[in-house]
Amino acid sequence: MKKFSRNQEDLELMSRDLELNSSELHVWNDFYGNASLLKKYSFFRTKYFYSTIEHGIRLDQTIWHVDKNSPLKCALTYSEFRKKLYQNQTTKYVFNIGSIINYVRIKNDIKPSGSIYFLAHSTHYVDVNVEIKEVINKLKLLPDNLRPEYICIYWKDILREKHILFIENGFKVVSAGHMYDSNFLYRLKEILLNFSVMITSEIGSHVFHAQNCGLKVLAPKNLADCFKSDKYTLDDFMEKEIEKSEHSDSMKDFAINDNFFIELFNKDDFFSVELKLFFSNYFCSTKKLSRLNFTLIHLFSLCVYKIRPKGLILHFFDFIYVRLDRRISKS
């Protein structure tokens, strides 16, 4: 039996629908508790966060219009891939800080063991089409060393009662709670650190968070048939990155979609470990900035917001940004 310091006893209460009550300048920064987490990491404490924070890991070339059109002139993202998209599509000062889950600090003295299955999740507006009975049957067919005892289910799917059938079939269900809950990332990281293997059936933020927490990710092919998922294609930038890498022969004929993802993660010997890390790090960097470097970004974004530079002062801020970005890139 796993032990969780944060409540997992009342899933319905933890997943109850909430309103987004935020005092942030960019209220969407409070998704998953991102703003409060990063403000605590900075040495310089402020009431507001002065950069937009990308809240979900994307594999396409879209920037959420709310972040893109925000009056905040600085943006934080999680990979060089996303950073270049911002630079091409906006005039914001953009920084790659890596996966936000790396900034979650929790005490966990439990040795990771066993596997956990992450169910593809719904959103406020989209209900994921999934055959729960079929998923359960296929999970039970996994080898003993991979068959999960625990299922992690998103708050929206708890409200849609997708957890009930899992519980009735002997699985234990956990959740990170509501996306507006400031403890979301703390719960998620604690859940991940308890396990050595994640079983999944589609690509999503959970895959990259798991790898950043040291889990082995597996995507058995037979589970993929239970879902209908979006497809992604290789963008021009990634094609150039692949051409320069030692993995060009392995990846050049693939599109980045769920089929590729299943092939990449369904067994150890299909692709090399190095290729899996290249793929994961490309879309969600494993880097974690020092508190000093992060504080410098925080101060820079504060100054940009307060001063709103124009003319010669704008050129000075451009110069500072280049120097600061270069410092961060080398760290």
Protein backbone atom coordinates (compact mmCIF):
# COMPACT_ATOMS: atom_id res chain seq x y z
CA MET A 1 0.00 0.00 0.00
CA LYS A 2 1.40 3.38 -1.03
CA LYS A 3 1.44 6.25 1.45
CA PHE A 4 0.54 9.76 0.33
CA SER A 5 1.00 12.73 2.65
CA ARG A 6 -1.61 14.71 0.73
CA ASN A 7 -5.21 13.56 0.99
CA GLN A 8 -6.31 10.88 -1.47
CA GLU A 9 -9.22 9.62 0.65
CA ASP A 10 -12.06 11.68 -0.82
CA LEU A 11 -11.60 11.85 -4.58
CA GLU A 12 -14.95 13.51 -5.22
CA LEU A 13 -14.25 16.31 -2.73
CA MET A 14 -10.73 16.85 -4.04
CA SER A 15 -12.03 16.96 -7.63
CA ARG A 16 -15.03 19.21 -6.99
CA ASP A 17 -15.37 21.95 -9.57
CA LEU A 18 -13.81 25.26 -8.55
CA GLU A 19 -13.86 28.82 -9.80
CA LEU A 20 -10.56 30.40 -10.77
CA ASN A 21 -10.11 33.02 -8.06
CA SER A 22 -6.82 34.69 -8.84
CA SER A 23 -5.27 38.05 -8.06
CA GLU A 24 -2.57 37.54 -10.68
CA LEU A 25 -2.13 40.07 -13.49
CA HIS A 26 -2.45 37.12 -15.87
CA VAL A 27 -4.99 35.01 -14.00
CA TRP A 28 -4.28 31.90 -16.08
CA ASN A 29 -0.85 31.73 -14.43
CA ASP A 30 -2.68 30.22 -11.47
CA PHE A 31 -3.53 27.05 -13.41
CA TYR A 32 -2.12 24.10 -11.41
CA GLY A 33 -0.65 26.56 -8.88
CA ASN A 34 2.13 27.55 -11.31
CA ALA A 35 2.43 31.19 -10.24
CA SER A 36 2.48 30.53 -6.50
CA LEU A 37 5.05 27.77 -6.97
CA LEU A 38 7.44 29.90 -9.01
CA LYS A 39 7.05 32.98 -6.81
CA LYS A 40 8.22 30.87 -3.87
CA TYR A 41 11.25 29.74 -5.85
CA SER A 42 12.41 33.30 -6.49
CA PHE A 43 14.57 34.98 -3.85
CA PHE A 44 12.68 38.20 -4.60
CA ARG A 45 9.08 37.80 -3.44
CA THR A 46 6.32 39.77 -5.16
CA LYS A 47 2.55 39.82 -5.04
CA TYR A 48 2.24 39.21 -8.78
CA PHE A 49 4.06 37.19 -11.40
CA TYR A 50 5.14 39.33 -14.33
CA SER A 51 5.57 36.72 -17.07
CA THR A 52 3.07 34.41 -18.71
CA ILE A 53 3.59 30.74 -17.85
CA GLU A 54 2.77 28.02 -20.36
CA HIS A 55 0.61 25.61 -18.40
CA GLY A 56 0.53 22.54 -20.63
CA ILE A 57 3.08 20.75 -22.79
CA ARG A 58 2.25 21.08 -26.47
CA LEU A 59 3.75 19.24 -29.43
CA ASP A 60 2.31 21.46 -32.15
CA GLN A 61 3.21 24.99 -33.25
CA THR A 62 0.27 26.69 -31.55
CA ILE A 63 0.64 29.24 -28.78
CA TRP A 64 -2.49 29.63 -26.68
CA HIS A 65 -4.05 32.92 -27.79
CA VAL A 66 -4.59 34.03 -24.17
CA ASP A 67 -0.85 33.81 -23.45
CA LYS A 68 0.11 35.13 -26.87
CA ASN A 69 -2.06 38.25 -26.57
CA SER A 70 -1.30 38.98 -22.93
CA PRO A 71 -0.01 42.52 -22.22
CA LEU A 72 2.79 40.95 -20.17
CA LYS A 73 5.95 41.28 -22.24
CA CYS A 74 7.82 38.27 -20.81
CA ALA A 75 6.98 34.59 -21.21
CA LEU A 76 8.22 31.43 -19.53
CA THR A 77 8.18 28.16 -21.40
CA TYR A 78 9.59 24.67 -20.96
CA SER A 79 11.77 23.88 -24.01
CA GLU A 80 13.90 25.36 -26.77
CA PHE A 81 11.22 24.17 -29.20
CA ARG A 82 8.59 26.38 -27.55
CA LYS A 83 11.03 29.23 -27.01
CA LYS A 84 11.74 29.45 -30.74
CA LEU A 85 8.01 29.40 -31.51
CA TYR A 86 7.48 32.37 -29.19
CA GLN A 87 10.37 34.24 -30.77
CA ASN A 88 8.92 33.63 -34.23
CA GLN A 89 5.32 34.48 -33.35
CA THR A 90 5.57 37.21 -30.68
CA THR A 91 7.71 40.13 -29.56
CA LYS A 92 7.92 38.84 -25.98
CA TYR A 93 11.09 38.22 -24.03
CA VAL A 94 10.93 34.46 -23.65
CA PHE A 95 12.89 32.17 -21.33
CA ASN A 96 13.17 28.38 -21.30
CA ILE A 97 13.03 27.33 -17.64
CA GLY A 98 12.44 23.62 -18.26
CA SER A 99 9.72 21.43 -16.80
CA ILE A 100 7.85 23.21 -14.03
CA ILE A 101 7.56 20.00 -12.01
CA ASN A 102 11.31 20.24 -11.37
CA TYR A 103 10.58 23.27 -9.17
CA VAL A 104 8.26 21.33 -6.86
CA ARG A 105 10.05 20.48 -3.62
CA ILE A 106 8.51 17.76 -1.48
CA LYS A 107 9.77 15.31 1.11
CA ASN A 108 9.41 11.73 -0.03
CA ASP A 109 11.35 8.94 1.64
CA ILE A 110 9.41 6.13 -0.06
CA LYS A 111 11.43 4.04 -2.48
CA PRO A 112 9.66 4.06 -5.88
CA SER A 113 8.27 0.71 -6.96
CA GLY A 114 5.59 -0.75 -9.16
CA SER A 115 3.63 0.88 -11.96
CA ILE A 116 0.80 3.34 -12.26
CA TYR A 117 -1.55 3.86 -15.19
CA PHE A 118 -2.45 7.41 -16.26
CA LEU A 119 -5.82 7.65 -17.95
CA ALA A 120 -5.99 10.09 -20.89
CA HIS A 121 -7.88 13.05 -19.48
CA SER A 122 -10.83 15.19 -20.45
CA THR A 123 -10.97 18.99 -20.16
CA HIS A 124 -13.60 21.62 -19.40
CA TYR A 125 -14.75 21.38 -23.01
CA VAL A 126 -13.70 17.96 -24.31
CA ASP A 127 -14.69 14.52 -23.04
CA VAL A 128 -12.04 11.96 -23.98
CA ASN A 129 -13.59 9.00 -25.77
CA VAL A 130 -12.42 5.95 -23.82
CA GLU A 131 -13.76 2.44 -23.27
CA ILE A 132 -13.07 1.92 -19.56
CA LYS A 133 -13.98 -1.78 -19.59
CA GLU A 134 -11.62 -2.37 -22.49
CA VAL A 135 -8.82 -0.50 -20.70
CA ILE A 136 -9.34 -2.60 -17.57
CA ASN A 137 -9.28 -5.86 -19.51
CA LYS A 138 -6.07 -4.91 -21.28
CA LEU A 139 -4.38 -3.71 -18.08
CA LYS A 140 -5.13 -7.10 -16.53
CA LEU A 141 -3.34 -8.78 -19.45
CA LEU A 142 -0.06 -6.98 -18.75
CA PRO A 143 2.80 -9.01 -17.24
CA ASP A 144 2.79 -9.24 -13.45
CA ASN A 145 5.75 -6.88 -13.10
CA LEU A 146 3.96 -4.19 -15.14
CA ARG A 147 0.33 -4.66 -14.18
CA PRO A 148 -0.63 -1.47 -12.28
CA GLU A 149 -2.34 -1.48 -8.92
CA TYR A 150 -2.97 2.28 -9.07
CA ILE A 151 -4.76 4.44 -11.64
CA CYS A 152 -4.29 8.21 -11.79
CA ILE A 153 -7.36 10.05 -13.04
CA TYR A 154 -7.81 13.76 -13.80
CA TRP A 155 -10.34 15.73 -11.75
CA LYS A 156 -12.69 16.22 -14.70
CA ASP A 157 -12.92 12.48 -15.26
CA ILE A 158 -13.54 11.89 -11.54
CA LEU A 159 -16.55 14.20 -11.88
CA ARG A 160 -17.64 12.14 -14.89
CA GLU A 161 -17.38 9.04 -12.67
CA LYS A 162 -14.80 7.27 -14.81
CA HIS A 163 -13.02 6.15 -11.64
CA ILE A 164 -15.90 4.04 -10.31
CA LEU A 165 -15.43 1.09 -12.68
CA PHE A 166 -11.71 0.96 -11.90
CA ILE A 167 -12.41 0.81 -8.16
CA GLU A 168 -15.08 -1.87 -8.65
CA ASN A 169 -12.45 -3.94 -10.47
CA GLY A 170 -9.96 -3.77 -7.62
CA PHE A 171 -7.77 -0.85 -8.68
CA LYS A 172 -6.79 1.98 -6.34
CA VAL A 173 -7.46 5.43 -7.78
CA VAL A 174 -5.48 8.60 -7.06
CA SER A 175 -5.70 12.13 -8.44
CA ALA A 176 -3.74 15.37 -8.33
CA GLY A 177 -6.94 17.30 -7.72
CA HIS A 178 -8.51 20.25 -9.53
CA MET A 179 -6.42 22.29 -11.97
CA TYR A 180 -7.23 25.44 -9.96
CA ASP A 181 -5.92 23.83 -6.76
CA SER A 182 -2.54 25.27 -5.76
CA ASN A 183 -1.53 21.83 -4.47
CA PHE A 184 -2.00 20.14 -7.85
CA LEU A 185 1.69 19.90 -8.78
CA TYR A 186 2.67 18.83 -5.26
CA ARG A 187 0.17 15.97 -5.37
CA LEU A 188 1.22 15.02 -8.89
CA LYS A 189 4.91 14.87 -8.04
CA GLU A 190 4.25 12.85 -4.89
CA ILE A 191 2.19 10.39 -6.91
CA LEU A 192 4.92 10.04 -9.54
CA LEU A 193 7.76 9.62 -7.04
CA ASN A 194 6.02 6.61 -5.53
CA PHE A 195 6.36 4.59 -8.74
CA SER A 196 9.13 3.37 -11.01
CA VAL A 197 7.01 2.84 -14.14
CA MET A 198 4.23 4.80 -15.81
CA ILE A 199 1.85 2.95 -18.12
CA THR A 200 0.01 5.18 -20.58
CA SER A 201 -1.71 5.05 -23.93
CA GLU A 202 -1.20 8.50 -25.36
CA ILE A 203 1.28 11.32 -25.36
CA GLY A 204 0.68 14.21 -22.99
CA SER A 205 2.17 16.35 -20.25
CA HIS A 206 2.12 13.38 -17.86
CA VAL A 207 4.74 11.56 -19.95
CA PHE A 208 7.26 14.37 -19.68
CA HIS A 209 6.55 14.98 -16.00
CA ALA A 210 7.09 11.28 -15.34
CA GLN A 211 10.41 11.23 -17.13
CA ASN A 212 11.53 14.32 -15.26
CA CYS A 213 10.71 12.44 -12.03
CA GLY A 214 12.78 9.44 -13.09
CA LEU A 215 10.00 7.05 -14.12
CA LYS A 216 10.29 4.64 -17.00
CA VAL A 217 7.42 5.29 -19.42
CA LEU A 218 5.78 2.44 -21.30
CA ALA A 219 2.94 2.65 -23.81
CA PRO A 220 1.72 -0.86 -24.66
CA LYS A 221 0.25 -1.00 -28.15
CA ASN A 222 -2.90 -2.83 -27.09
CA LEU A 223 -3.97 0.11 -24.89
CA ALA A 224 -3.73 2.64 -27.72
CA ASP A 225 -6.77 1.16 -29.42
CA CYS A 226 -8.99 2.36 -26.56
CA PHE A 227 -8.61 6.03 -27.47
CA LYS A 228 -9.05 8.53 -30.25
CA SER A 229 -6.25 11.10 -30.07
CA ASP A 230 -5.01 14.17 -31.88
CA LYS A 231 -2.12 13.86 -34.31
CA TYR A 232 0.99 16.02 -34.56
CA THR A 233 3.48 16.35 -37.39
CA LEU A 234 7.17 17.06 -37.37
CA ASP A 235 7.76 20.79 -37.58
CA ASP A 236 10.54 22.29 -39.70
CA PHE A 237 12.64 23.21 -36.69
CA MET A 238 12.57 19.70 -35.29
CA GLU A 239 13.40 18.20 -38.67
CA LYS A 240 16.56 20.33 -38.74
CA GLU A 241 17.41 19.31 -35.17
CA ILE A 242 17.02 15.65 -36.09
CA GLU A 243 19.20 16.07 -39.18
CA LYS A 244 21.98 17.42 -36.95
CA SER A 245 21.60 14.66 -34.37
CA GLU A 246 22.84 11.09 -34.32
CA HIS A 247 19.20 9.94 -34.44
CA SER A 248 18.44 11.19 -37.96
CA ASP A 249 18.18 7.73 -39.51
CA SER A 250 15.84 6.51 -36.77
CA MET A 251 13.39 9.40 -36.90
CA LYS A 252 13.40 10.90 -40.37
CA ASP A 253 10.50 8.81 -41.67
CA PHE A 254 8.22 9.33 -38.66
CA ALA A 255 5.57 11.88 -37.80
CA ILE A 256 5.29 12.84 -34.17
CA ASN A 257 1.90 11.33 -33.44
CA ASP A 258 0.48 8.77 -31.08
CA ASN A 259 1.55 5.91 -33.36
CA PHE A 260 5.16 7.08 -33.20
CA PHE A 261 4.82 7.62 -29.48
CA ILE A 262 3.53 4.09 -28.96
CA GLU A 263 6.40 2.67 -31.01
CA LEU A 264 8.92 4.81 -29.15
CA PHE A 265 7.81 3.76 -25.67
CA ASN A 266 6.15 0.38 -26.02
CA LYS A 267 9.34 -1.66 -25.59
CA ASP A 268 12.93 -1.00 -24.63
CA ASP A 269 14.73 -2.25 -27.72
CA PHE A 270 12.67 -0.57 -30.45
CA PHE A 271 14.52 2.73 -30.07
CA SER A 272 17.56 3.57 -28.01
CA VAL A 273 17.32 5.15 -24.57
CA GLU A 274 19.25 8.12 -25.99
CA LEU A 275 16.60 8.66 -28.65
CA LYS A 276 13.82 8.58 -26.06
CA LEU A 277 15.66 11.18 -24.01
CA PHE A 278 16.28 13.32 -27.12
CA PHE A 279 12.58 13.19 -27.95
CA SER A 280 11.47 14.02 -24.40
CA ASN A 281 14.03 16.76 -23.78
CA TYR A 282 13.19 18.40 -27.11
CA PHE A 283 9.57 18.92 -26.11
CA CYS A 284 10.09 19.45 -22.37
CA SER A 285 13.56 20.30 -21.15
CA THR A 286 14.94 18.49 -18.11
CA LYS A 287 16.75 21.65 -17.02
CA LYS A 288 16.10 23.40 -13.73
CA LEU A 289 17.39 26.91 -13.23
CA SER A 290 19.24 27.89 -10.09
CA ARG A 291 17.27 30.12 -7.74
CA LEU A 292 19.64 32.98 -8.58
CA ASN A 293 19.09 32.71 -12.32
CA PHE A 294 15.35 32.36 -11.86
CA THR A 295 15.32 35.42 -9.59
CA LEU A 296 17.14 37.41 -12.27
CA ILE A 297 14.39 36.48 -14.75
CA HIS A 298 11.75 37.46 -12.22
CA LEU A 299 13.40 40.85 -11.62
CA PHE A 300 13.83 41.43 -15.34
CA SER A 301 10.13 40.74 -16.00
CA LEU A 302 9.16 43.05 -13.13
CA CYS A 303 11.27 45.88 -14.59
CA VAL A 304 9.83 45.35 -18.07
CA TYR A 305 6.31 45.51 -16.64
CA LYS A 306 6.92 48.61 -14.49
CA ILE A 307 9.05 50.62 -16.92
CA ARG A 308 7.38 49.59 -20.21
CA PRO A 309 10.55 50.47 -22.15
CA LYS A 310 10.49 52.38 -25.43
CA GLY A 311 13.08 53.92 -27.72
CA LEU A 312 16.65 53.80 -26.41
CA ILE A 313 15.53 52.22 -23.15
CA LEU A 314 13.97 49.38 -25.14
CA HIS A 315 17.35 48.75 -26.81
CA PHE A 316 18.94 48.62 -23.38
CA PHE A 317 16.40 46.00 -22.26
CA ASP A 318 17.02 44.03 -25.46
CA PHE A 319 20.73 44.01 -24.61
CA ILE A 320 20.05 42.87 -21.03
CA TYR A 321 17.74 40.12 -22.29
CA VAL A 322 20.40 38.73 -24.64
CA ARG A 323 22.97 38.66 -21.85
CA LEU A 324 20.54 37.10 -19.38
CA ASP A 325 19.30 34.50 -21.85
CA ARG A 326 22.89 33.58 -22.72
CA ARG A 327 23.70 33.15 -19.03
CA ILE A 328 20.66 30.90 -18.53
CA SER A 329 21.38 28.84 -21.64
CA LYS A 330 24.87 28.05 -20.39
CA SER A 331 23.69 27.01 -16.92
